[in-house]
Amino acid sequence: MRKGSLLILDGIEHTVVRVQAGEVDSYALIVEAFQKPIYRYCCRLLGSRTEAEDAVQEILVKAYQRIGTYRPIASFSSWLYKIAYHHCLSMIRKRQSQIKFMALFQPDPPAESPEQLMDRYIFNEHLTFALAKLKTEERNLLVLRIFEEQSFPEIAEILDKNTDAVKKKYRRTITKLGKMLNAQKGGTEWCGNEALLKRK
């Protein structure tokens, strides 16, 4: 969700001010505006619709609880995505710990449920596989840039990094992803690399 100038209060920013002033019912407008994009973001990052459904509710509750700390130095969208990123990162770390723990008692991997199979095919099979092979930070960067169409300054705000560093990391990650996709397709050249690198 693009904002233009970070210092100009648009509709969402005005709504945030009203919520901060005690008009709690106005938070429903924020939920309506961000529920789907945040769900989509969580789904891409976590790779599971079930986990994403839980995550988006928890993220919006966290945002409400912390909304008093928000200041329009950066866009509200960036502020909210930062909460979502750290929440998903925590979920991924917890999941990895659980997998390692369960492996001690269950040497053979469990069969996928019908729901898990469906989750695995939500996105393009080759792209989903390649994204899963990336590091969490790399995958998050691509999801924010490509699927959520966040600007580099917005991503830098979300990740607490320098904008130029984010751009360099993005280009390296795009190259890495392209090589993975080419390998999956038997060496067929992936044409998305150049177009993605030209995005402003």
C-alpha atoms as a PDB file:
ATOM      1  CA  MET A   1       0.000   0.000   0.000  1.00  0.00           C
ATOM      2  CA  ARG A   2       1.770   3.125  -1.246  1.00  0.00           C
ATOM      3  CA  LYS A   3       1.716   6.339   0.706  1.00  0.00           C
ATOM      4  CA  GLY A   4       3.638   8.978  -1.244  1.00  0.00           C
ATOM      5  CA  SER A   5       5.347  11.295   1.200  1.00  0.00           C
ATOM      6  CA  LEU A   6       5.934   9.741   4.584  1.00  0.00           C
ATOM      7  CA  LEU A   7       5.100  13.043   6.253  1.00  0.00           C
ATOM      8  CA  ILE A   8       1.674  13.493   4.642  1.00  0.00           C
ATOM      9  CA  LEU A   9      -1.236  12.006   6.562  1.00  0.00           C
ATOM     10  CA  ASP A  10      -3.457  10.078   4.150  1.00  0.00           C
ATOM     11  CA  GLY A  11      -6.691   8.250   4.977  1.00  0.00           C
ATOM     12  CA  ILE A  12      -4.984   5.463   6.902  1.00  0.00           C
ATOM     13  CA  GLU A  13      -2.740   7.855   8.782  1.00  0.00           C
ATOM     14  CA  HIS A  14      -5.760   9.934   9.825  1.00  0.00           C
ATOM     15  CA  THR A  15      -7.451   6.749  11.005  1.00  0.00           C
ATOM     16  CA  VAL A  16      -4.384   5.868  13.069  1.00  0.00           C
ATOM     17  CA  VAL A  17      -4.508   9.286  14.726  1.00  0.00           C
ATOM     18  CA  ARG A  18      -8.169   8.743  15.605  1.00  0.00           C
ATOM     19  CA  VAL A  19      -7.399   5.337  17.127  1.00  0.00           C
ATOM     20  CA  GLN A  20      -4.544   6.852  19.125  1.00  0.00           C
ATOM     21  CA  ALA A  21      -6.994   9.483  20.372  1.00  0.00           C
ATOM     22  CA  GLY A  22      -9.278   6.795  21.766  1.00  0.00           C
ATOM     23  CA  GLU A  23     -11.630   6.075  18.847  1.00  0.00           C
ATOM     24  CA  VAL A  24     -11.009   2.339  19.094  1.00  0.00           C
ATOM     25  CA  ASP A  25     -13.828   1.462  16.696  1.00  0.00           C
ATOM     26  CA  SER A  26     -11.850   3.129  13.908  1.00  0.00           C
ATOM     27  CA  TYR A  27      -9.287   0.321  14.141  1.00  0.00           C
ATOM     28  CA  ALA A  28     -11.741  -1.805  12.151  1.00  0.00           C
ATOM     29  CA  LEU A  29     -10.886   0.359   9.122  1.00  0.00           C
ATOM     30  CA  ILE A  30      -7.198  -0.448   9.550  1.00  0.00           C
ATOM     31  CA  VAL A  31      -7.984  -4.154   9.819  1.00  0.00           C
ATOM     32  CA  GLU A  32     -10.079  -3.946   6.659  1.00  0.00           C
ATOM     33  CA  ALA A  33      -7.296  -2.177   4.761  1.00  0.00           C
ATOM     34  CA  PHE A  34      -4.412  -4.431   5.821  1.00  0.00           C
ATOM     35  CA  GLN A  35      -5.864  -7.858   6.636  1.00  0.00           C
ATOM     36  CA  LYS A  36      -5.573  -9.263   3.105  1.00  0.00           C
ATOM     37  CA  PRO A  37      -2.129  -7.831   2.232  1.00  0.00           C
ATOM     38  CA  ILE A  38      -0.661  -8.904   5.576  1.00  0.00           C
ATOM     39  CA  TYR A  39      -2.200 -12.372   5.180  1.00  0.00           C
ATOM     40  CA  ARG A  40      -0.716 -12.649   1.684  1.00  0.00           C
ATOM     41  CA  TYR A  41       2.679 -11.544   3.010  1.00  0.00           C
ATOM     42  CA  CYS A  42       2.586 -14.061   5.878  1.00  0.00           C
ATOM     43  CA  CYS A  43       1.453 -16.799   3.515  1.00  0.00           C
ATOM     44  CA  ARG A  44       4.406 -16.185   1.218  1.00  0.00           C
ATOM     45  CA  LEU A  45       6.909 -15.949   4.053  1.00  0.00           C
ATOM     46  CA  LEU A  46       5.639 -18.881   6.118  1.00  0.00           C
ATOM     47  CA  GLY A  47       4.577 -21.088   3.198  1.00  0.00           C
ATOM     48  CA  SER A  48       1.388 -22.140   4.987  1.00  0.00           C
ATOM     49  CA  ARG A  49      -2.130 -20.745   4.778  1.00  0.00           C
ATOM     50  CA  THR A  50      -3.013 -22.188   8.179  1.00  0.00           C
ATOM     51  CA  GLU A  51      -0.069 -20.524   9.923  1.00  0.00           C
ATOM     52  CA  ALA A  52      -0.696 -17.301   7.999  1.00  0.00           C
ATOM     53  CA  GLU A  53      -4.325 -17.167   9.170  1.00  0.00           C
ATOM     54  CA  ASP A  54      -3.192 -17.386  12.786  1.00  0.00           C
ATOM     55  CA  ALA A  55      -0.323 -14.971  12.219  1.00  0.00           C
ATOM     56  CA  VAL A  56      -2.355 -12.168  10.647  1.00  0.00           C
ATOM     57  CA  GLN A  57      -4.773 -12.104  13.574  1.00  0.00           C
ATOM     58  CA  GLU A  58      -1.940 -12.007  16.112  1.00  0.00           C
ATOM     59  CA  ILE A  59      -0.102  -9.318  14.151  1.00  0.00           C
ATOM     60  CA  LEU A  60      -3.146  -7.055  13.969  1.00  0.00           C
ATOM     61  CA  VAL A  61      -3.715  -7.505  17.710  1.00  0.00           C
ATOM     62  CA  LYS A  62      -0.063  -6.631  18.392  1.00  0.00           C
ATOM     63  CA  ALA A  63      -0.340  -3.570  16.159  1.00  0.00           C
ATOM     64  CA  TYR A  64      -3.425  -2.394  18.059  1.00  0.00           C
ATOM     65  CA  GLN A  65      -1.692  -2.875  21.396  1.00  0.00           C
ATOM     66  CA  ARG A  66       1.346  -0.899  20.200  1.00  0.00           C
ATOM     67  CA  ILE A  67      -0.398   1.725  18.073  1.00  0.00           C
ATOM     68  CA  GLY A  68       0.220   4.346  20.726  1.00  0.00           C
ATOM     69  CA  THR A  69       3.948   4.077  19.986  1.00  0.00           C
ATOM     70  CA  TYR A  70       3.551   4.731  16.254  1.00  0.00           C
ATOM     71  CA  ARG A  71       4.831   8.064  14.934  1.00  0.00           C
ATOM     72  CA  PRO A  72       4.524   9.195  11.267  1.00  0.00           C
ATOM     73  CA  ILE A  73       8.289   9.346  10.773  1.00  0.00           C
ATOM     74  CA  ALA A  74       7.832   6.320   8.512  1.00  0.00           C
ATOM     75  CA  SER A  75       4.629   5.116   6.867  1.00  0.00           C
ATOM     76  CA  PHE A  76       2.145   3.140   8.939  1.00  0.00           C
ATOM     77  CA  SER A  77       2.403   0.397   6.316  1.00  0.00           C
ATOM     78  CA  SER A  78       6.142   0.011   6.927  1.00  0.00           C
ATOM     79  CA  TRP A  79       5.565   0.030  10.687  1.00  0.00           C
ATOM     80  CA  LEU A  80       2.953  -2.717  10.379  1.00  0.00           C
ATOM     81  CA  TYR A  81       5.045  -4.844   8.025  1.00  0.00           C
ATOM     82  CA  LYS A  82       7.940  -4.606  10.482  1.00  0.00           C
ATOM     83  CA  ILE A  83       5.717  -6.104  13.182  1.00  0.00           C
ATOM     84  CA  ALA A  84       4.599  -8.789  10.724  1.00  0.00           C
ATOM     85  CA  TYR A  85       8.173  -9.594   9.721  1.00  0.00           C
ATOM     86  CA  HIS A  86       9.401 -10.087  13.282  1.00  0.00           C
ATOM     87  CA  HIS A  87       6.304 -12.110  14.174  1.00  0.00           C
ATOM     88  CA  CYS A  88       6.801 -14.449  11.197  1.00  0.00           C
ATOM     89  CA  LEU A  89      10.520 -14.699  11.940  1.00  0.00           C
ATOM     90  CA  SER A  90       9.675 -15.811  15.464  1.00  0.00           C
ATOM     91  CA  MET A  91       7.224 -18.389  14.112  1.00  0.00           C
ATOM     92  CA  ILE A  92       9.824 -19.763  11.686  1.00  0.00           C
ATOM     93  CA  ARG A  93      12.426 -20.090  14.446  1.00  0.00           C
ATOM     94  CA  LYS A  94       9.906 -21.794  16.712  1.00  0.00           C
ATOM     95  CA  ARG A  95       8.899 -24.155  13.904  1.00  0.00           C
ATOM     96  CA  GLN A  96      12.530 -25.064  13.224  1.00  0.00           C
ATOM     97  CA  SER A  97      13.083 -25.811  16.921  1.00  0.00           C
ATOM     98  CA  GLN A  98       9.984 -28.011  17.012  1.00  0.00           C
ATOM     99  CA  ILE A  99      11.094 -29.899  13.904  1.00  0.00           C
ATOM    100  CA  LYS A 100      14.489 -30.609  15.446  1.00  0.00           C
ATOM    101  CA  PHE A 101      12.858 -31.746  18.686  1.00  0.00           C
ATOM    102  CA  MET A 102      10.317 -34.007  16.976  1.00  0.00           C
ATOM    103  CA  ALA A 103      13.075 -35.540  14.833  1.00  0.00           C
ATOM    104  CA  LEU A 104      14.499 -37.072  18.002  1.00  0.00           C
ATOM    105  CA  PHE A 105      11.349 -39.163  18.415  1.00  0.00           C
ATOM    106  CA  GLN A 106      10.181 -39.566  14.823  1.00  0.00           C
ATOM    107  CA  PRO A 107      12.988 -40.459  12.439  1.00  0.00           C
ATOM    108  CA  ASP A 108      10.671 -40.838   9.441  1.00  0.00           C
ATOM    109  CA  PRO A 109       9.020 -37.622   8.160  1.00  0.00           C
ATOM    110  CA  PRO A 110       5.224 -37.570   8.647  1.00  0.00           C
ATOM    111  CA  ALA A 111       3.002 -37.875   5.588  1.00  0.00           C
ATOM    112  CA  GLU A 112       1.567 -34.581   4.366  1.00  0.00           C
ATOM    113  CA  SER A 113      -2.084 -33.948   5.121  1.00  0.00           C
ATOM    114  CA  PRO A 114      -4.427 -32.906   2.279  1.00  0.00           C
ATOM    115  CA  GLU A 115      -4.329 -29.339   3.658  1.00  0.00           C
ATOM    116  CA  GLN A 116      -0.528 -29.298   3.643  1.00  0.00           C
ATOM    117  CA  LEU A 117      -0.484 -30.575   0.081  1.00  0.00           C
ATOM    118  CA  MET A 118      -2.823 -27.767  -0.929  1.00  0.00           C
ATOM    119  CA  ASP A 119      -0.625 -25.211   0.826  1.00  0.00           C
ATOM    120  CA  ARG A 120       2.367 -26.474  -1.132  1.00  0.00           C
ATOM    121  CA  TYR A 121       0.656 -25.776  -4.429  1.00  0.00           C
ATOM    122  CA  ILE A 122      -0.739 -22.316  -3.650  1.00  0.00           C
ATOM    123  CA  PHE A 123       2.053 -20.736  -5.651  1.00  0.00           C
ATOM    124  CA  ASN A 124       4.047 -21.617  -8.734  1.00  0.00           C
ATOM    125  CA  GLU A 125       5.748 -24.912  -7.913  1.00  0.00           C
ATOM    126  CA  HIS A 126       9.220 -23.934  -9.168  1.00  0.00           C
ATOM    127  CA  LEU A 127       9.126 -20.533  -7.487  1.00  0.00           C
ATOM    128  CA  THR A 128       7.838 -21.941  -4.203  1.00  0.00           C
ATOM    129  CA  PHE A 129      10.611 -24.550  -4.138  1.00  0.00           C
ATOM    130  CA  ALA A 130      13.285 -21.960  -4.907  1.00  0.00           C
ATOM    131  CA  LEU A 131      11.974 -19.510  -2.294  1.00  0.00           C
ATOM    132  CA  ALA A 132      12.013 -22.274   0.315  1.00  0.00           C
ATOM    133  CA  LYS A 133      15.724 -22.822  -0.383  1.00  0.00           C
ATOM    134  CA  LEU A 134      16.580 -19.200   0.344  1.00  0.00           C
ATOM    135  CA  LYS A 135      17.490 -17.891   3.772  1.00  0.00           C
ATOM    136  CA  THR A 136      14.582 -16.352   5.685  1.00  0.00           C
ATOM    137  CA  GLU A 137      15.935 -12.825   5.240  1.00  0.00           C
ATOM    138  CA  GLU A 138      16.416 -13.358   1.504  1.00  0.00           C
ATOM    139  CA  ARG A 139      12.922 -14.795   1.084  1.00  0.00           C
ATOM    140  CA  ASN A 140      11.412 -11.951   3.083  1.00  0.00           C
ATOM    141  CA  LEU A 141      13.217  -9.392   0.928  1.00  0.00           C
ATOM    142  CA  LEU A 142      11.829 -10.898  -2.288  1.00  0.00           C
ATOM    143  CA  VAL A 143       8.314 -11.223  -0.901  1.00  0.00           C
ATOM    144  CA  LEU A 144       8.268  -7.585   0.221  1.00  0.00           C
ATOM    145  CA  ARG A 145       9.707  -6.298  -3.057  1.00  0.00           C
ATOM    146  CA  ILE A 146       8.075  -8.498  -5.686  1.00  0.00           C
ATOM    147  CA  PHE A 147       4.770  -9.586  -4.211  1.00  0.00           C
ATOM    148  CA  GLU A 148       4.015  -6.735  -1.787  1.00  0.00           C
ATOM    149  CA  GLU A 149       5.547  -4.082  -4.105  1.00  0.00           C
ATOM    150  CA  GLN A 150       7.223  -2.255  -1.240  1.00  0.00           C
ATOM    151  CA  SER A 151       9.759   0.418  -2.184  1.00  0.00           C
ATOM    152  CA  PHE A 152      13.397   0.009  -1.189  1.00  0.00           C
ATOM    153  CA  PRO A 153      13.129   2.783   1.447  1.00  0.00           C
ATOM    154  CA  GLU A 154      10.058   1.042   2.908  1.00  0.00           C
ATOM    155  CA  ILE A 155      11.871  -2.302   3.002  1.00  0.00           C
ATOM    156  CA  ALA A 156      14.885  -0.660   4.623  1.00  0.00           C
ATOM    157  CA  GLU A 157      12.573   0.719   7.310  1.00  0.00           C
ATOM    158  CA  ILE A 158      10.987  -2.689   7.885  1.00  0.00           C
ATOM    159  CA  LEU A 159      14.352  -4.448   8.135  1.00  0.00           C
ATOM    160  CA  ASP A 160      16.170  -1.649  10.002  1.00  0.00           C
ATOM    161  CA  LYS A 161      18.814  -1.489   7.282  1.00  0.00           C
ATOM    162  CA  ASN A 162      20.380   1.072   4.948  1.00  0.00           C
ATOM    163  CA  THR A 163      18.506   1.535   1.642  1.00  0.00           C
ATOM    164  CA  ASP A 164      21.623   1.009  -0.485  1.00  0.00           C
ATOM    165  CA  ALA A 165      22.440  -2.170   1.437  1.00  0.00           C
ATOM    166  CA  VAL A 166      18.910  -3.439   0.795  1.00  0.00           C
ATOM    167  CA  LYS A 167      19.242  -2.745  -2.948  1.00  0.00           C
ATOM    168  CA  LYS A 168      22.536  -4.656  -3.134  1.00  0.00           C
ATOM    169  CA  LYS A 169      21.108  -7.556  -1.139  1.00  0.00           C
ATOM    170  CA  TYR A 170      18.055  -7.632  -3.415  1.00  0.00           C
ATOM    171  CA  ARG A 171      20.157  -7.831  -6.575  1.00  0.00           C
ATOM    172  CA  ARG A 172      22.304 -10.633  -5.133  1.00  0.00           C
ATOM    173  CA  THR A 173      19.198 -12.522  -4.038  1.00  0.00           C
ATOM    174  CA  ILE A 174      17.520 -12.108  -7.439  1.00  0.00           C
ATOM    175  CA  THR A 175      20.623 -13.531  -9.105  1.00  0.00           C
ATOM    176  CA  LYS A 176      20.668 -16.440  -6.653  1.00  0.00           C
ATOM    177  CA  LEU A 177      16.961 -17.130  -7.223  1.00  0.00           C
ATOM    178  CA  GLY A 178      17.434 -16.987 -10.986  1.00  0.00           C
ATOM    179  CA  LYS A 179      20.174 -19.606 -10.846  1.00  0.00           C
ATOM    180  CA  MET A 180      17.938 -21.872  -8.774  1.00  0.00           C
ATOM    181  CA  LEU A 181      15.046 -21.527 -11.209  1.00  0.00           C
ATOM    182  CA  ASN A 182      17.322 -22.134 -14.207  1.00  0.00           C
ATOM    183  CA  ALA A 183      18.663 -25.287 -12.554  1.00  0.00           C
ATOM    184  CA  GLN A 184      15.126 -26.553 -11.890  1.00  0.00           C
ATOM    185  CA  LYS A 185      14.135 -25.957 -15.503  1.00  0.00           C
ATOM    186  CA  GLY A 186      17.062 -27.877 -16.897  1.00  0.00           C
ATOM    187  CA  GLY A 187      19.162 -24.851 -17.765  1.00  0.00           C
ATOM    188  CA  THR A 188      16.437 -22.899 -19.538  1.00  0.00           C
ATOM    189  CA  GLU A 189      17.205 -19.210 -19.126  1.00  0.00           C
ATOM    190  CA  TRP A 190      14.993 -17.455 -16.586  1.00  0.00           C
ATOM    191  CA  CYS A 191      13.848 -14.154 -18.113  1.00  0.00           C
ATOM    192  CA  GLY A 192      12.607 -12.457 -14.963  1.00  0.00           C
ATOM    193  CA  ASN A 193      15.987 -11.366 -13.621  1.00  0.00           C
ATOM    194  CA  GLU A 194      16.580  -8.313 -15.817  1.00  0.00           C
ATOM    195  CA  ALA A 195      13.021  -7.033 -15.490  1.00  0.00           C
ATOM    196  CA  LEU A 196      13.068  -7.310 -11.707  1.00  0.00           C
ATOM    197  CA  LEU A 197      16.392  -5.536 -11.409  1.00  0.00           C
ATOM    198  CA  LYS A 198      14.992  -2.565 -13.361  1.00  0.00           C
ATOM    199  CA  ARG A 199      12.167  -2.020 -10.884  1.00  0.00           C
ATOM    200  CA  LYS A 200      12.480   1.305  -9.051  1.00  0.00           C
END
